[in-house]
């Protein structure tokens, strides 16, 4: 299946999302902040990135913008997965280049459906 990078500073959220992805036979990569997420995406070239927004240092919107605007990672779809559920946050995420936006707690069916849509 797909190699998916989870960028989230919450070990609990990473465990929850990882268990869903593993159940669906995806390989998981992990980073616990935006800067490490960008570096890992560049080095590992995952099939897709799941990006939290609220993290120390480089936040998820900034990291998404770096990934989607850099030629070496622009082809990697980013799904923002966050507790920020305002319409302005969704619009801002899309403007940064995110291809999907899911609100925590993430629903397994919605997560897998969004991943499958983006990976074709």
Protein backbone atom coordinates (compact mmCIF):
# COMPACT_ATOMS: atom_id res chain seq x y z
CA UNK A 1 0.00 0.00 0.00
CA UNK A 2 1.07 3.63 0.48
CA UNK A 3 3.88 5.17 2.51
CA UNK A 4 2.25 7.87 4.63
CA UNK A 5 4.06 10.47 6.72
CA UNK A 6 2.23 11.58 9.88
CA UNK A 7 3.39 14.99 11.14
CA UNK A 8 1.91 15.55 14.60
CA UNK A 9 3.34 16.49 18.01
CA UNK A 10 0.76 14.44 19.94
CA UNK A 11 1.86 10.83 20.56
CA UNK A 12 -1.78 9.92 21.27
CA UNK A 13 -2.96 11.25 17.89
CA UNK A 14 -0.07 9.55 16.10
CA UNK A 15 -1.02 6.23 17.73
CA UNK A 16 -4.70 6.63 16.77
CA UNK A 17 -3.97 7.52 13.15
CA UNK A 18 -1.21 4.89 12.87
CA UNK A 19 -3.54 2.13 14.03
CA UNK A 20 -6.08 3.10 11.35
CA UNK A 21 -3.41 3.20 8.65
CA UNK A 22 -1.81 -0.08 9.73
CA UNK A 23 -5.22 -1.76 9.66
CA UNK A 24 -5.44 -0.72 6.01
CA UNK A 25 -1.89 -1.98 5.32
CA UNK A 26 -0.21 1.40 4.89
CA UNK A 27 3.44 1.98 5.83
CA UNK A 28 3.90 4.76 8.39
CA UNK A 29 6.60 7.38 8.68
CA UNK A 30 6.49 9.89 11.51
CA UNK A 31 7.69 13.37 12.47
CA UNK A 32 6.71 15.31 15.58
CA UNK A 33 7.02 18.88 14.29
CA UNK A 34 6.70 20.85 11.07
CA UNK A 35 10.42 21.30 10.38
CA UNK A 36 11.15 17.60 10.85
CA UNK A 37 8.11 16.77 8.74
CA UNK A 38 9.39 18.86 5.84
CA UNK A 39 12.87 17.31 6.15
CA UNK A 40 11.49 13.78 6.32
CA UNK A 41 9.19 14.36 3.34
CA UNK A 42 12.15 15.58 1.29
CA UNK A 43 14.34 12.64 2.32
CA UNK A 44 11.75 9.84 2.22
CA UNK A 45 9.37 11.02 -0.55
CA UNK A 46 6.22 9.50 1.00
CA UNK A 47 3.09 8.93 -1.09
CA UNK A 48 1.06 11.26 1.14
CA UNK A 49 1.44 13.50 4.23
CA UNK A 50 -1.04 13.85 7.11
CA UNK A 51 -0.27 17.23 8.71
CA UNK A 52 -1.34 18.58 12.08
CA UNK A 53 -1.56 22.39 12.32
CA UNK A 54 -0.85 23.35 15.93
CA UNK A 55 2.76 22.35 16.60
CA UNK A 56 5.77 24.11 18.14
CA UNK A 57 8.07 25.98 15.77
CA UNK A 58 7.01 25.59 12.15
CA UNK A 59 3.24 25.07 12.23
CA UNK A 60 1.33 22.78 9.88
CA UNK A 61 0.18 25.57 7.57
CA UNK A 62 3.78 26.77 7.14
CA UNK A 63 5.08 23.23 6.63
CA UNK A 64 2.33 22.49 4.09
CA UNK A 65 3.24 25.63 2.16
CA UNK A 66 6.92 24.60 2.10
CA UNK A 67 6.08 21.10 0.86
CA UNK A 68 3.59 22.15 -1.81
CA UNK A 69 5.74 24.99 -3.17
CA UNK A 70 9.02 23.07 -3.32
CA UNK A 71 9.64 21.26 -6.64
CA UNK A 72 11.04 18.18 -4.86
CA UNK A 73 7.86 17.66 -2.76
CA UNK A 74 5.10 19.47 -4.70
CA UNK A 75 3.79 16.16 -6.06
CA UNK A 76 3.15 14.77 -2.54
CA UNK A 77 -0.46 15.41 -1.49
CA UNK A 78 -0.94 16.89 1.99
CA UNK A 79 -4.06 16.31 4.09
CA UNK A 80 -4.40 18.61 7.07
CA UNK A 81 -5.67 16.75 10.15
CA UNK A 82 -6.39 19.20 12.96
CA UNK A 83 -8.71 20.31 15.75
CA UNK A 84 -9.10 23.68 13.95
CA UNK A 85 -12.59 23.38 12.48
CA UNK A 86 -13.38 26.93 11.33
CA UNK A 87 -14.12 27.59 7.66
CA UNK A 88 -11.32 30.19 7.59
CA UNK A 89 -8.86 27.47 8.65
CA UNK A 90 -10.05 25.21 5.83
CA UNK A 91 -9.69 28.01 3.29
CA UNK A 92 -6.23 28.90 4.61
CA UNK A 93 -5.15 25.24 4.47
CA UNK A 94 -6.26 25.00 0.86
CA UNK A 95 -4.41 28.21 0.03
CA UNK A 96 -1.24 26.65 1.45
CA UNK A 97 -1.66 23.76 -0.96
CA UNK A 98 -3.43 21.11 1.13
CA UNK A 99 -5.48 18.66 -0.94
CA UNK A 100 -7.67 17.58 1.98
CA UNK A 101 -8.78 18.83 5.39
CA UNK A 102 -10.04 16.58 8.20
CA UNK A 103 -11.03 17.60 11.73
CA UNK A 104 -9.93 15.62 14.80
CA UNK A 105 -11.04 13.31 16.16
CA UNK A 106 -10.67 11.84 12.71
CA UNK A 107 -13.25 9.35 11.51
CA UNK A 108 -11.66 6.19 10.07
CA UNK A 109 -13.96 6.05 7.03
CA UNK A 110 -13.38 9.72 6.19
CA UNK A 111 -9.61 9.34 6.56
CA UNK A 112 -9.37 6.26 4.34
CA UNK A 113 -11.79 7.71 1.78
CA UNK A 114 -9.77 10.93 1.53
CA UNK A 115 -6.46 9.04 1.25
CA UNK A 116 -7.86 6.74 -1.45
CA UNK A 117 -9.26 9.68 -3.43
CA UNK A 118 -5.89 11.43 -3.43
CA UNK A 119 -3.84 8.35 -4.22
CA UNK A 120 -6.22 7.25 -6.98
